[in-house]
Amino acid sequence: MIARAPAAAPWRFHLALPACLLALTLAACTTNPPPPPPADAGEWQAVLLPGKRATRYQWGVKEGRRAVLAQSDRSASMWRQRVKPALQSARELQFSWWLPELNAAARVGEAERGDASARVLLGFGGDVSALPLRTRMLFDLAQALTGESPPYATLAYVWDPVLPVGTVVPDPRTDRIRKIVVESGAEGLRRWRDHRRDLAADFERAFGEKPGPLLHVALMTDSDNTGTTAQAWYGPVELR
């Protein structure tokens, strides 16, 4: 569960694995076991994608920071936490990531090479009935394949090898996903990179409308389109 913090404090999406996985993954992350997840830690879950190998997400510590390690081997899947109840007025988003290297072949704006070594995704609700018929049919197909309908809109913050910071990239397969490049090139590799974003302003810039309720937050490292490998560490995600 996500506990409401005091008025001046953020909503914090604690990065934790279920207890049954924690014991299996600690040794691979660090030689000094990290402290256990906070008592109020929410439940993050793997979300598999039809026909895709799963990226491995595991709990650990990187340079003293509690984090989740994502390891992709020609794979694509998400590590997601639902927001219950849905957050109606999220404004400021804070997140961090640490990458050892970039997938130089990836391009977030191209369907054939649309991998990203690091993404933070936010799914928003909205009036799905107002979307074009083709989009609603795709939503129905996704629900039949996965058991759940996609969110009305998904905003993704990504690290791309070449696109300039600030670029807004519509997903080549669906206009219900828009990506904002917040990191570009190799300059920021091998150190923690901290980001603070005006979530409502970014959503309005990407979609041309105000955001609906926030339904979930997810992490995603993938390398299936380029047939390569990728790795990323993700620090805590906070909403104010």
C-alpha atoms as a PDB file:
ATOM      1  CA  MET A   1       0.000   0.000   0.000  1.00  0.00           C
ATOM      2  CA  ILE A   2       1.004   3.624  -0.500  1.00  0.00           C
ATOM      3  CA  ALA A   3       0.595   5.520   2.762  1.00  0.00           C
ATOM      4  CA  ARG A   4      -0.337   9.196   2.701  1.00  0.00           C
ATOM      5  CA  ALA A   5       2.541  11.260   4.084  1.00  0.00           C
ATOM      6  CA  PRO A   6       2.136  14.478   6.118  1.00  0.00           C
ATOM      7  CA  ALA A   7       1.065  17.498   4.094  1.00  0.00           C
ATOM      8  CA  ALA A   8       4.601  18.765   3.475  1.00  0.00           C
ATOM      9  CA  ALA A   9       6.068  15.387   2.605  1.00  0.00           C
ATOM     10  CA  PRO A  10       5.936  13.415  -0.668  1.00  0.00           C
ATOM     11  CA  TRP A  11       4.081  10.315  -1.613  1.00  0.00           C
ATOM     12  CA  ARG A  12       6.877   7.784  -1.785  1.00  0.00           C
ATOM     13  CA  PHE A  13       6.820   4.671  -3.952  1.00  0.00           C
ATOM     14  CA  HIS A  14       9.219   2.471  -1.976  1.00  0.00           C
ATOM     15  CA  LEU A  15      11.288   0.220  -4.213  1.00  0.00           C
ATOM     16  CA  ALA A  16      10.838  -3.206  -2.701  1.00  0.00           C
ATOM     17  CA  LEU A  17      10.413  -6.778  -3.873  1.00  0.00           C
ATOM     18  CA  PRO A  18       8.006  -9.297  -2.364  1.00  0.00           C
ATOM     19  CA  ALA A  19       9.591 -11.117   0.556  1.00  0.00           C
ATOM     20  CA  CYS A  20       9.818 -14.430  -1.317  1.00  0.00           C
ATOM     21  CA  LEU A  21      12.078 -12.821  -3.933  1.00  0.00           C
ATOM     22  CA  LEU A  22      14.132 -10.687  -1.601  1.00  0.00           C
ATOM     23  CA  ALA A  23      16.177 -13.527  -0.143  1.00  0.00           C
ATOM     24  CA  LEU A  24      17.013 -14.865  -3.600  1.00  0.00           C
ATOM     25  CA  THR A  25      18.358 -11.582  -4.945  1.00  0.00           C
ATOM     26  CA  LEU A  26      20.239  -9.842  -2.142  1.00  0.00           C
ATOM     27  CA  ALA A  27      23.504 -11.695  -2.738  1.00  0.00           C
ATOM     28  CA  ALA A  28      23.625 -10.666  -6.385  1.00  0.00           C
ATOM     29  CA  CYS A  29      23.169  -6.975  -5.537  1.00  0.00           C
ATOM     30  CA  THR A  30      25.686  -6.251  -2.793  1.00  0.00           C
ATOM     31  CA  THR A  31      28.089  -7.942  -0.422  1.00  0.00           C
ATOM     32  CA  ASN A  32      26.636  -5.922   2.484  1.00  0.00           C
ATOM     33  CA  PRO A  33      22.923  -6.768   2.852  1.00  0.00           C
ATOM     34  CA  PRO A  34      20.734  -3.652   2.662  1.00  0.00           C
ATOM     35  CA  PRO A  35      18.192  -2.842   5.368  1.00  0.00           C
ATOM     36  CA  PRO A  36      14.775  -4.472   4.913  1.00  0.00           C
ATOM     37  CA  PRO A  37      12.099  -2.588   2.991  1.00  0.00           C
ATOM     38  CA  PRO A  38      10.147  -0.004   5.021  1.00  0.00           C
ATOM     39  CA  ALA A  39       7.136  -1.320   6.894  1.00  0.00           C
ATOM     40  CA  ASP A  40       4.779   0.741   4.725  1.00  0.00           C
ATOM     41  CA  ALA A  41       6.382  -0.343   1.449  1.00  0.00           C
ATOM     42  CA  GLY A  42       3.937  -0.718  -1.395  1.00  0.00           C
ATOM     43  CA  GLU A  43       3.775  -3.835  -3.495  1.00  0.00           C
ATOM     44  CA  TRP A  44       5.627  -3.618  -6.778  1.00  0.00           C
ATOM     45  CA  GLN A  45       4.801  -6.341  -9.290  1.00  0.00           C
ATOM     46  CA  ALA A  46       6.272  -7.615 -12.531  1.00  0.00           C
ATOM     47  CA  VAL A  47       4.068  -6.928 -15.549  1.00  0.00           C
ATOM     48  CA  LEU A  48       4.821  -9.252 -18.434  1.00  0.00           C
ATOM     49  CA  LEU A  49       4.229  -8.295 -22.062  1.00  0.00           C
ATOM     50  CA  PRO A  50       2.710 -10.823 -24.485  1.00  0.00           C
ATOM     51  CA  GLY A  51       5.353 -12.647 -26.478  1.00  0.00           C
ATOM     52  CA  LYS A  52       8.284 -10.975 -24.668  1.00  0.00           C
ATOM     53  CA  ARG A  53      10.985 -12.329 -22.390  1.00  0.00           C
ATOM     54  CA  ALA A  54      10.896 -10.783 -18.923  1.00  0.00           C
ATOM     55  CA  THR A  55      13.407  -8.216 -17.741  1.00  0.00           C
ATOM     56  CA  ARG A  56      14.748  -9.125 -14.295  1.00  0.00           C
ATOM     57  CA  TYR A  57      14.110  -6.646 -11.478  1.00  0.00           C
ATOM     58  CA  GLN A  58      15.749  -7.192  -8.107  1.00  0.00           C
ATOM     59  CA  TRP A  59      16.201  -5.362  -4.850  1.00  0.00           C
ATOM     60  CA  GLY A  60      19.602  -3.990  -3.831  1.00  0.00           C
ATOM     61  CA  VAL A  61      21.758  -1.017  -2.869  1.00  0.00           C
ATOM     62  CA  LYS A  62      23.844   1.050  -5.286  1.00  0.00           C
ATOM     63  CA  GLU A  63      26.454   3.455  -3.892  1.00  0.00           C
ATOM     64  CA  GLY A  64      24.592   3.643  -0.592  1.00  0.00           C
ATOM     65  CA  ARG A  65      21.177   4.253  -2.151  1.00  0.00           C
ATOM     66  CA  ARG A  66      18.279   1.818  -1.873  1.00  0.00           C
ATOM     67  CA  ALA A  67      17.472   0.838  -5.436  1.00  0.00           C
ATOM     68  CA  VAL A  68      16.105  -1.705  -7.873  1.00  0.00           C
ATOM     69  CA  LEU A  69      18.435  -3.264 -10.432  1.00  0.00           C
ATOM     70  CA  ALA A  70      16.896  -3.911 -13.851  1.00  0.00           C
ATOM     71  CA  GLN A  71      18.674  -6.385 -16.146  1.00  0.00           C
ATOM     72  CA  SER A  72      17.394  -6.884 -19.685  1.00  0.00           C
ATOM     73  CA  ASP A  73      18.600  -9.607 -22.036  1.00  0.00           C
ATOM     74  CA  ARG A  74      16.642  -9.175 -25.284  1.00  0.00           C
ATOM     75  CA  SER A  75      13.645  -8.701 -23.000  1.00  0.00           C
ATOM     76  CA  ALA A  76      10.877  -6.248 -22.166  1.00  0.00           C
ATOM     77  CA  SER A  77       8.660  -6.092 -19.082  1.00  0.00           C
ATOM     78  CA  MET A  78       7.680  -3.565 -16.412  1.00  0.00           C
ATOM     79  CA  TRP A  79       8.060  -3.295 -12.647  1.00  0.00           C
ATOM     80  CA  ARG A  80       4.885  -1.514 -11.558  1.00  0.00           C
ATOM     81  CA  GLN A  81       3.054  -0.228  -8.516  1.00  0.00           C
ATOM     82  CA  ARG A  82      -0.607   0.751  -8.597  1.00  0.00           C
ATOM     83  CA  VAL A  83      -1.706   3.966  -6.898  1.00  0.00           C
ATOM     84  CA  LYS A  84      -4.639   3.150  -4.628  1.00  0.00           C
ATOM     85  CA  PRO A  85      -6.677   5.235  -4.375  1.00  0.00           C
ATOM     86  CA  ALA A  86      -5.799   7.000  -7.622  1.00  0.00           C
ATOM     87  CA  LEU A  87      -3.985  10.274  -7.023  1.00  0.00           C
ATOM     88  CA  GLN A  88      -6.067  13.158  -8.327  1.00  0.00           C
ATOM     89  CA  SER A  89      -3.598  16.038  -8.240  1.00  0.00           C
ATOM     90  CA  ALA A  90       0.013  14.889  -8.513  1.00  0.00           C
ATOM     91  CA  ARG A  91       2.255  17.851  -9.289  1.00  0.00           C
ATOM     92  CA  GLU A  92       5.955  17.256  -8.667  1.00  0.00           C
ATOM     93  CA  LEU A  93       7.705  13.998  -9.533  1.00  0.00           C
ATOM     94  CA  GLN A  94      11.163  13.043  -8.294  1.00  0.00           C
ATOM     95  CA  PHE A  95      13.125  10.006  -9.455  1.00  0.00           C
ATOM     96  CA  SER A  96      16.707   8.886 -10.015  1.00  0.00           C
ATOM     97  CA  TRP A  97      18.609   6.332 -12.054  1.00  0.00           C
ATOM     98  CA  TRP A  98      22.156   5.038 -12.553  1.00  0.00           C
ATOM     99  CA  LEU A  99      23.334   3.498 -15.843  1.00  0.00           C
ATOM    100  CA  PRO A 100      26.656   1.734 -16.492  1.00  0.00           C
ATOM    101  CA  GLU A 101      26.316   2.174 -20.265  1.00  0.00           C
ATOM    102  CA  LEU A 102      23.831   3.002 -23.013  1.00  0.00           C
ATOM    103  CA  ASN A 103      22.349   0.795 -25.675  1.00  0.00           C
ATOM    104  CA  ALA A 104      23.782   2.750 -28.607  1.00  0.00           C
ATOM    105  CA  ALA A 105      21.474   1.007 -31.090  1.00  0.00           C
ATOM    106  CA  ALA A 106      18.270   2.090 -29.312  1.00  0.00           C
ATOM    107  CA  ARG A 107      16.034   4.947 -30.503  1.00  0.00           C
ATOM    108  CA  VAL A 108      12.887   5.641 -28.504  1.00  0.00           C
ATOM    109  CA  GLY A 109      11.151   7.208 -31.509  1.00  0.00           C
ATOM    110  CA  GLU A 110      11.560   4.237 -33.878  1.00  0.00           C
ATOM    111  CA  ALA A 111       9.384   1.144 -33.702  1.00  0.00           C
ATOM    112  CA  GLU A 112      12.152  -1.194 -34.858  1.00  0.00           C
ATOM    113  CA  ARG A 113      14.696   0.134 -32.337  1.00  0.00           C
ATOM    114  CA  GLY A 114      12.373   1.478 -29.664  1.00  0.00           C
ATOM    115  CA  ASP A 115      14.274   0.281 -26.595  1.00  0.00           C
ATOM    116  CA  ALA A 116      15.356   2.425 -23.651  1.00  0.00           C
ATOM    117  CA  SER A 117      17.949   1.567 -21.037  1.00  0.00           C
ATOM    118  CA  ALA A 118      15.911   3.542 -18.486  1.00  0.00           C
ATOM    119  CA  ARG A 119      12.286   4.657 -18.345  1.00  0.00           C
ATOM    120  CA  VAL A 120       9.919   5.851 -15.641  1.00  0.00           C
ATOM    121  CA  LEU A 121       6.294   5.523 -16.755  1.00  0.00           C
ATOM    122  CA  LEU A 122       3.129   7.018 -15.297  1.00  0.00           C
ATOM    123  CA  GLY A 123      -0.323   5.773 -16.269  1.00  0.00           C
ATOM    124  CA  PHE A 124      -3.284   8.173 -16.105  1.00  0.00           C
ATOM    125  CA  GLY A 125      -7.030   7.659 -16.216  1.00  0.00           C
ATOM    126  CA  GLY A 126      -9.403   9.547 -18.483  1.00  0.00           C
ATOM    127  CA  ASP A 127     -12.455   9.296 -20.701  1.00  0.00           C
ATOM    128  CA  VAL A 128     -11.596   6.313 -22.880  1.00  0.00           C
ATOM    129  CA  SER A 129     -14.976   6.567 -24.648  1.00  0.00           C
ATOM    130  CA  ALA A 130     -13.813   9.862 -26.187  1.00  0.00           C
ATOM    131  CA  LEU A 131     -10.880   8.197 -27.946  1.00  0.00           C
ATOM    132  CA  PRO A 132     -11.047   7.193 -31.635  1.00  0.00           C
ATOM    133  CA  LEU A 133     -12.669   3.857 -32.452  1.00  0.00           C
ATOM    134  CA  ARG A 134      -9.380   2.342 -33.601  1.00  0.00           C
ATOM    135  CA  THR A 135      -7.719   3.209 -30.292  1.00  0.00           C
ATOM    136  CA  ARG A 136     -10.600   1.739 -28.299  1.00  0.00           C
ATOM    137  CA  MET A 137     -10.373  -1.450 -30.360  1.00  0.00           C
ATOM    138  CA  LEU A 138      -6.652  -1.672 -29.576  1.00  0.00           C
ATOM    139  CA  PHE A 139      -7.475  -1.197 -25.882  1.00  0.00           C
ATOM    140  CA  ASP A 140      -9.991  -4.056 -26.118  1.00  0.00           C
ATOM    141  CA  LEU A 141      -7.356  -6.254 -27.766  1.00  0.00           C
ATOM    142  CA  ALA A 142      -4.812  -5.420 -25.066  1.00  0.00           C
ATOM    143  CA  GLN A 143      -7.342  -6.309 -22.401  1.00  0.00           C
ATOM    144  CA  ALA A 144      -8.032  -9.651 -24.085  1.00  0.00           C
ATOM    145  CA  LEU A 145      -4.290 -10.440 -24.213  1.00  0.00           C
ATOM    146  CA  THR A 146      -3.254  -9.188 -20.768  1.00  0.00           C
ATOM    147  CA  GLY A 147      -6.411  -9.187 -18.659  1.00  0.00           C
ATOM    148  CA  GLU A 148      -6.449  -5.421 -18.174  1.00  0.00           C
ATOM    149  CA  SER A 149      -7.095  -2.355 -20.284  1.00  0.00           C
ATOM    150  CA  PRO A 150      -4.261   0.137 -20.858  1.00  0.00           C
ATOM    151  CA  PRO A 151      -4.468   3.492 -19.082  1.00  0.00           C
ATOM    152  CA  TYR A 152      -6.067   6.383 -20.923  1.00  0.00           C
ATOM    153  CA  ALA A 153      -2.616   7.950 -21.330  1.00  0.00           C
ATOM    154  CA  THR A 154       0.944   7.009 -20.391  1.00  0.00           C
ATOM    155  CA  LEU A 155       3.709   9.556 -19.888  1.00  0.00           C
ATOM    156  CA  ALA A 156       7.258   8.192 -19.963  1.00  0.00           C
ATOM    157  CA  TYR A 157      10.538   9.826 -18.971  1.00  0.00           C
ATOM    158  CA  VAL A 158      13.391   8.233 -20.933  1.00  0.00           C
ATOM    159  CA  TRP A 159      17.140   8.225 -21.506  1.00  0.00           C
ATOM    160  CA  ASP A 160      17.973   8.199 -25.222  1.00  0.00           C
ATOM    161  CA  PRO A 161      21.434   7.965 -26.848  1.00  0.00           C
ATOM    162  CA  VAL A 162      20.937  10.825 -29.313  1.00  0.00           C
ATOM    163  CA  LEU A 163      17.708  12.819 -28.974  1.00  0.00           C
ATOM    164  CA  PRO A 164      18.069  16.221 -27.259  1.00  0.00           C
ATOM    165  CA  VAL A 165      16.834  16.669 -23.703  1.00  0.00           C
ATOM    166  CA  GLY A 166      13.292  18.017 -23.754  1.00  0.00           C
ATOM    167  CA  THR A 167      12.228  16.219 -26.921  1.00  0.00           C
ATOM    168  CA  VAL A 168       8.644  14.902 -26.797  1.00  0.00           C
ATOM    169  CA  VAL A 169       8.361  11.611 -28.694  1.00  0.00           C
ATOM    170  CA  PRO A 170       4.977  10.048 -29.556  1.00  0.00           C
ATOM    171  CA  ASP A 171       5.176   6.284 -29.456  1.00  0.00           C
ATOM    172  CA  PRO A 172       5.361   4.990 -33.040  1.00  0.00           C
ATOM    173  CA  ARG A 173       2.660   2.380 -32.345  1.00  0.00           C
ATOM    174  CA  THR A 174       0.132   4.343 -30.277  1.00  0.00           C
ATOM    175  CA  ASP A 175      -0.490   8.026 -29.597  1.00  0.00           C
ATOM    176  CA  ARG A 176      -1.623   7.166 -26.055  1.00  0.00           C
ATOM    177  CA  ILE A 177       2.040   6.921 -25.010  1.00  0.00           C
ATOM    178  CA  ARG A 178       4.235  10.024 -25.132  1.00  0.00           C
ATOM    179  CA  LYS A 179       7.883  10.088 -24.046  1.00  0.00           C
ATOM    180  CA  ILE A 180       9.937  13.007 -22.790  1.00  0.00           C
ATOM    181  CA  VAL A 181      13.710  12.743 -23.117  1.00  0.00           C
ATOM    182  CA  VAL A 182      15.244  13.822 -19.798  1.00  0.00           C
ATOM    183  CA  GLU A 183      18.716  12.379 -20.380  1.00  0.00           C
ATOM    184  CA  SER A 184      20.705  12.197 -23.617  1.00  0.00           C
ATOM    185  CA  GLY A 185      24.040  10.687 -24.553  1.00  0.00           C
ATOM    186  CA  ALA A 186      26.720   9.157 -22.377  1.00  0.00           C
ATOM    187  CA  GLU A 187      27.784  12.144 -20.268  1.00  0.00           C
ATOM    188  CA  GLY A 188      25.741  11.151 -17.211  1.00  0.00           C
ATOM    189  CA  LEU A 189      26.754   7.489 -17.099  1.00  0.00           C
ATOM    190  CA  ARG A 190      28.090   5.706 -14.007  1.00  0.00           C
ATOM    191  CA  ARG A 191      26.720   8.125 -11.449  1.00  0.00           C
ATOM    192  CA  TRP A 192      23.337   8.801  -9.895  1.00  0.00           C
ATOM    193  CA  ARG A 193      21.222  11.200 -11.935  1.00  0.00           C
ATOM    194  CA  ASP A 194      18.411  12.888  -9.993  1.00  0.00           C
ATOM    195  CA  HIS A 195      15.393  14.398 -11.706  1.00  0.00           C
ATOM    196  CA  ARG A 196      12.568  16.635 -10.511  1.00  0.00           C
ATOM    197  CA  ARG A 197       9.675  17.254 -12.896  1.00  0.00           C
ATOM    198  CA  ASP A 198       6.459  19.278 -12.954  1.00  0.00           C
ATOM    199  CA  LEU A 199       4.264  16.314 -13.767  1.00  0.00           C
ATOM    200  CA  ALA A 200       1.113  18.237 -14.685  1.00  0.00           C
ATOM    201  CA  ALA A 201       3.006  20.637 -16.960  1.00  0.00           C
ATOM    202  CA  ASP A 202       4.844  17.782 -18.672  1.00  0.00           C
ATOM    203  CA  PHE A 203       1.603  15.889 -19.270  1.00  0.00           C
ATOM    204  CA  GLU A 204      -0.122  18.940 -20.730  1.00  0.00           C
ATOM    205  CA  ARG A 205       2.861  19.611 -22.987  1.00  0.00           C
ATOM    206  CA  ALA A 206       2.907  16.021 -24.226  1.00  0.00           C
ATOM    207  CA  PHE A 207      -0.828  15.423 -24.636  1.00  0.00           C
ATOM    208  CA  GLY A 208      -2.309  18.909 -24.964  1.00  0.00           C
ATOM    209  CA  GLU A 209      -4.710  18.427 -22.051  1.00  0.00           C
ATOM    210  CA  LYS A 210      -4.685  18.320 -18.282  1.00  0.00           C
ATOM    211  CA  PRO A 211      -3.871  14.964 -16.648  1.00  0.00           C
ATOM    212  CA  GLY A 212      -6.507  12.718 -15.157  1.00  0.00           C
ATOM    213  CA  PRO A 213      -6.004  10.668 -11.991  1.00  0.00           C
ATOM    214  CA  LEU A 214      -2.667   8.884 -11.635  1.00  0.00           C
ATOM    215  CA  LEU A 215      -3.248   5.116 -11.709  1.00  0.00           C
ATOM    216  CA  HIS A 216       0.218   3.602 -11.538  1.00  0.00           C
ATOM    217  CA  VAL A 217       3.962   4.185 -11.638  1.00  0.00           C
ATOM    218  CA  ALA A 218       6.303   1.781 -13.433  1.00  0.00           C
ATOM    219  CA  LEU A 219       9.970   1.226 -14.240  1.00  0.00           C
ATOM    220  CA  MET A 220      11.044  -0.321 -17.522  1.00  0.00           C
ATOM    221  CA  THR A 221      14.373  -1.340 -19.019  1.00  0.00           C
ATOM    222  CA  ASP A 222      14.107  -3.175 -22.335  1.00  0.00           C
ATOM    223  CA  SER A 223      16.348  -4.414 -25.144  1.00  0.00           C
ATOM    224  CA  ASP A 224      14.086  -6.740 -27.125  1.00  0.00           C
ATOM    225  CA  ASN A 225      13.840  -4.677 -30.311  1.00  0.00           C
ATOM    226  CA  THR A 226      17.608  -4.310 -30.711  1.00  0.00           C
ATOM    227  CA  GLY A 227      18.359  -7.861 -29.533  1.00  0.00           C
ATOM    228  CA  THR A 228      20.930  -6.618 -27.014  1.00  0.00           C
ATOM    229  CA  THR A 229      21.335  -6.286 -23.244  1.00  0.00           C
ATOM    230  CA  ALA A 230      20.763  -3.330 -20.921  1.00  0.00           C
ATOM    231  CA  GLN A 231      21.089  -2.560 -17.230  1.00  0.00           C
ATOM    232  CA  ALA A 232      19.863   0.245 -14.980  1.00  0.00           C
ATOM    233  CA  TRP A 233      19.502   1.053 -11.285  1.00  0.00           C
ATOM    234  CA  TYR A 234      16.399   2.965 -10.148  1.00  0.00           C
ATOM    235  CA  GLY A 235      16.187   4.928  -6.923  1.00  0.00           C
ATOM    236  CA  PRO A 236      12.965   5.818  -5.058  1.00  0.00           C
ATOM    237  CA  VAL A 237      10.131   7.534  -6.903  1.00  0.00           C
ATOM    238  CA  GLU A 238       8.316  10.335  -5.080  1.00  0.00           C
ATOM    239  CA  LEU A 239       5.256  12.455  -5.842  1.00  0.00           C
ATOM    240  CA  ARG A 240       4.494  15.761  -4.141  1.00  0.00           C
END
